[in-house]
């Protein structure tokens, strides 16, 4: 009989196949694709005030509603698209968050037009490599860090919304800019090896 996998102690994850699969295959894996980084930032913004599992369960609906988070398409959304999104029960319906996603797409494209790659911009804050933390328990993991504050300020300076330091730190964890898997978790060392 094989030993059960040891995972990070996330509230509500144990026994939830979707949540466990996300933890085991995505969370903390270094993401270097600009579009995927932006998508995850938008989804973390939609999470504000909600549990991540809510967004995770709606992620496919979000992708369908937002044209697979293609910044060029999202940036062209007008009033009809806003109305369509607000009527879509499959996503989180918030005018402010929808507007932030649309404006974020425009900012993403403006950065691109200036020759500023979103991935290079993001990863530049950590020198291109994930920060390897060594947490042993949930209570040790901060909700934000001075670096998350710095990244948040830089994103806000470019015009992004729903990018406060707590949201930004959750995003940095999700996209592998920091490895916050607990040291006892079966993913800690595996994720560490995925860094460029």
Protein backbone atom coordinates (compact mmCIF):
# COMPACT_ATOMS: atom_id res chain seq x y z
CA UNK A 1 0.00 0.00 0.00
CA UNK A 2 1.47 3.34 -1.03
CA UNK A 3 1.82 6.23 1.37
CA UNK A 4 -0.63 9.12 0.85
CA UNK A 5 0.84 12.24 -0.74
CA UNK A 6 1.70 15.02 1.67
CA UNK A 7 0.35 18.35 0.43
CA UNK A 8 0.25 21.94 1.63
CA UNK A 9 -2.47 22.48 4.24
CA UNK A 10 -4.95 24.51 2.20
CA UNK A 11 -8.38 24.87 3.75
CA UNK A 12 -10.93 22.82 1.82
CA UNK A 13 -8.43 21.12 -0.50
CA UNK A 14 -8.30 17.66 1.08
CA UNK A 15 -10.49 15.29 -0.90
CA UNK A 16 -11.41 17.83 -3.61
CA UNK A 17 -10.04 16.33 -6.87
CA UNK A 18 -10.06 19.67 -8.73
CA UNK A 19 -8.26 21.51 -5.96
CA UNK A 20 -5.74 18.70 -5.40
CA UNK A 21 -5.01 18.48 -9.14
CA UNK A 22 -4.45 22.25 -9.30
CA UNK A 23 -2.07 22.06 -6.34
CA UNK A 24 -0.24 19.04 -7.74
CA UNK A 25 0.16 20.19 -11.35
CA UNK A 26 -0.11 23.99 -11.61
CA UNK A 27 0.31 25.97 -8.40
CA UNK A 28 3.86 27.17 -8.00
CA UNK A 29 5.03 25.90 -11.38
CA UNK A 30 7.08 28.69 -12.98
CA UNK A 31 5.00 30.29 -15.75
CA UNK A 32 6.98 32.28 -18.30
CA UNK A 33 4.34 32.78 -21.01
CA UNK A 34 3.23 36.43 -21.04
CA UNK A 35 -0.39 35.74 -21.96
CA UNK A 36 -0.74 33.02 -19.31
CA UNK A 37 0.80 35.30 -16.67
CA UNK A 38 -1.71 38.01 -17.53
CA UNK A 39 -4.61 35.53 -17.46
CA UNK A 40 -3.62 34.37 -13.99
CA UNK A 41 -3.27 37.97 -12.80
CA UNK A 42 -6.80 38.72 -14.06
CA UNK A 43 -8.19 35.61 -12.37
CA UNK A 44 -6.48 36.50 -9.10
CA UNK A 45 -8.10 39.93 -9.38
CA UNK A 46 -11.50 38.29 -9.80
CA UNK A 47 -10.77 36.27 -6.67
CA UNK A 48 -10.68 39.39 -4.48
CA UNK A 49 -13.08 38.74 -1.60
CA UNK A 50 -13.67 35.13 -2.65
CA UNK A 51 -12.05 31.73 -2.14
CA UNK A 52 -9.68 30.56 -4.88
CA UNK A 53 -11.69 27.35 -5.34
CA UNK A 54 -14.62 29.52 -6.53
CA UNK A 55 -12.46 30.90 -9.35
CA UNK A 56 -10.95 27.51 -10.08
CA UNK A 57 -14.40 25.98 -10.53
CA UNK A 58 -15.37 28.82 -12.87
CA UNK A 59 -12.07 29.00 -14.76
CA UNK A 60 -13.32 27.25 -17.90
CA UNK A 61 -16.33 29.58 -17.98
CA UNK A 62 -14.01 32.57 -17.56
CA UNK A 63 -11.86 31.37 -20.44
CA UNK A 64 -14.91 30.95 -22.67
CA UNK A 65 -16.34 34.34 -21.66
CA UNK A 66 -13.04 36.19 -22.16
CA UNK A 67 -12.00 34.64 -25.49
CA UNK A 68 -9.38 32.49 -23.78
CA UNK A 69 -7.86 35.66 -22.35
CA UNK A 70 -6.54 36.82 -25.71
CA UNK A 71 -5.47 40.39 -24.86
CA UNK A 72 -6.11 41.65 -28.40
CA UNK A 73 -9.71 40.44 -28.30
CA UNK A 74 -10.40 41.50 -24.71
CA UNK A 75 -8.96 44.98 -25.34
CA UNK A 76 -11.63 45.53 -28.03
CA UNK A 77 -14.55 44.71 -25.73
CA UNK A 78 -17.25 47.38 -25.71
CA UNK A 79 -20.56 47.90 -23.95
CA UNK A 80 -22.20 44.85 -25.55
CA UNK A 81 -19.37 42.66 -24.24
CA UNK A 82 -19.62 44.20 -20.78
CA UNK A 83 -23.36 43.49 -20.76
CA UNK A 84 -22.73 39.93 -21.98
CA UNK A 85 -20.20 39.34 -19.22
CA UNK A 86 -22.45 40.80 -16.52
CA UNK A 87 -25.20 38.43 -17.66
CA UNK A 88 -22.91 35.37 -17.57
CA UNK A 89 -23.69 33.38 -14.41
CA UNK A 90 -20.67 31.16 -15.10
CA UNK A 91 -18.22 33.89 -14.05
CA UNK A 92 -17.93 36.37 -11.20
CA UNK A 93 -20.15 39.27 -12.23
CA UNK A 94 -18.57 42.51 -11.09
CA UNK A 95 -18.51 45.64 -13.22
CA UNK A 96 -15.30 46.83 -11.57
CA UNK A 97 -13.48 43.52 -12.10
CA UNK A 98 -14.72 43.16 -15.69
CA UNK A 99 -13.60 46.72 -16.46
CA UNK A 100 -10.23 45.99 -14.83
CA UNK A 101 -9.77 42.94 -17.08
CA UNK A 102 -10.59 44.93 -20.21
CA UNK A 103 -8.34 47.83 -19.22
CA UNK A 104 -5.64 45.35 -18.23
CA UNK A 105 -5.71 43.89 -21.75
CA UNK A 106 -5.18 47.38 -23.17
CA UNK A 107 -2.29 48.03 -20.80
CA UNK A 108 -0.75 44.65 -21.66
CA UNK A 109 -0.86 45.58 -25.37
CA UNK A 110 0.53 49.07 -24.68
CA UNK A 111 3.47 47.50 -22.86
CA UNK A 112 3.97 45.13 -25.80
CA UNK A 113 3.87 48.03 -28.28
CA UNK A 114 6.61 49.77 -26.27
CA UNK A 115 8.73 46.62 -26.50
CA UNK A 116 8.09 45.69 -22.88
CA UNK A 117 7.46 41.95 -22.61
CA UNK A 118 5.02 41.21 -19.79
CA UNK A 119 6.87 38.05 -18.75
CA UNK A 120 10.24 39.79 -18.63
CA UNK A 121 8.66 42.66 -16.67
CA UNK A 122 7.18 40.26 -14.11
CA UNK A 123 10.14 37.93 -13.75
CA UNK A 124 12.52 40.89 -13.55
CA UNK A 125 11.38 41.44 -9.97
CA UNK A 126 12.88 38.09 -8.93
CA UNK A 127 15.91 38.12 -11.21
CA UNK A 128 14.31 35.63 -13.59
CA UNK A 129 14.29 32.79 -11.04
CA UNK A 130 11.77 31.75 -8.38
CA UNK A 131 12.38 32.66 -4.77
CA UNK A 132 12.70 29.39 -2.87
CA UNK A 133 10.93 29.75 0.47
CA UNK A 134 11.05 27.12 3.20
CA UNK A 135 7.75 27.26 5.04
CA UNK A 136 6.77 24.39 7.33
CA UNK A 137 3.18 25.34 8.15
CA UNK A 138 0.33 27.54 6.98
CA UNK A 139 0.84 30.10 9.75
CA UNK A 140 4.35 30.87 8.49
CA UNK A 141 3.28 31.94 4.99
CA UNK A 142 2.73 35.71 4.77
CA UNK A 143 -0.31 37.23 3.05
CA UNK A 144 2.04 39.71 1.38
CA UNK A 145 5.72 40.59 1.32
CA UNK A 146 7.73 43.76 0.70
CA UNK A 147 8.44 42.40 -2.79
CA UNK A 148 4.70 41.94 -3.43
CA UNK A 149 4.21 45.57 -2.38
CA UNK A 150 6.88 46.61 -4.88
CA UNK A 151 5.34 44.56 -7.71
CA UNK A 152 1.87 45.85 -6.82
CA UNK A 153 3.08 49.46 -7.02
CA UNK A 154 4.72 48.83 -10.39
CA UNK A 155 1.55 47.23 -11.80
CA UNK A 156 -0.61 50.06 -10.45
CA UNK A 157 1.79 52.62 -11.94
CA UNK A 158 1.08 51.10 -15.35
CA UNK A 159 -2.66 51.31 -14.70
CA UNK A 160 -3.57 47.74 -13.70
CA UNK A 161 -6.42 47.38 -11.16
CA UNK A 162 -7.15 44.70 -8.54
CA UNK A 163 -3.41 44.27 -8.04
CA UNK A 164 -3.02 45.04 -4.35
CA UNK A 165 -0.10 43.36 -2.56
CA UNK A 166 -2.19 40.46 -1.20
CA UNK A 167 -3.59 39.66 -4.65
CA UNK A 168 -0.14 40.09 -6.18
CA UNK A 169 1.47 37.75 -3.65
CA UNK A 170 -1.17 35.07 -4.31
CA UNK A 171 -0.46 35.50 -8.03
CA UNK A 172 3.31 35.31 -7.49
CA UNK A 173 2.79 32.04 -5.61
CA UNK A 174 0.49 30.65 -8.32
CA UNK A 175 2.84 31.45 -11.21
CA UNK A 176 5.92 30.17 -9.43
CA UNK A 177 7.71 33.47 -8.89
CA UNK A 178 7.93 32.21 -5.32
CA UNK A 179 7.93 28.56 -4.29
CA UNK A 180 5.64 28.52 -1.28
CA UNK A 181 4.93 24.81 -1.18
CA UNK A 182 5.58 23.65 2.37
CA UNK A 183 8.89 21.85 2.81
CA UNK A 184 6.99 18.66 3.72
CA UNK A 185 4.82 18.88 0.58
CA UNK A 186 5.58 16.44 -2.22
CA UNK A 187 5.67 19.39 -4.66
CA UNK A 188 8.27 21.53 -2.90
CA UNK A 189 11.37 19.88 -4.37
CA UNK A 190 9.64 19.01 -7.67
CA UNK A 191 8.72 22.65 -8.31
CA UNK A 192 12.21 23.76 -7.28
CA UNK A 193 13.65 21.64 -10.12
CA UNK A 194 11.36 23.30 -12.71
CA UNK A 195 13.01 26.72 -12.36
CA UNK A 196 14.94 27.92 -15.40
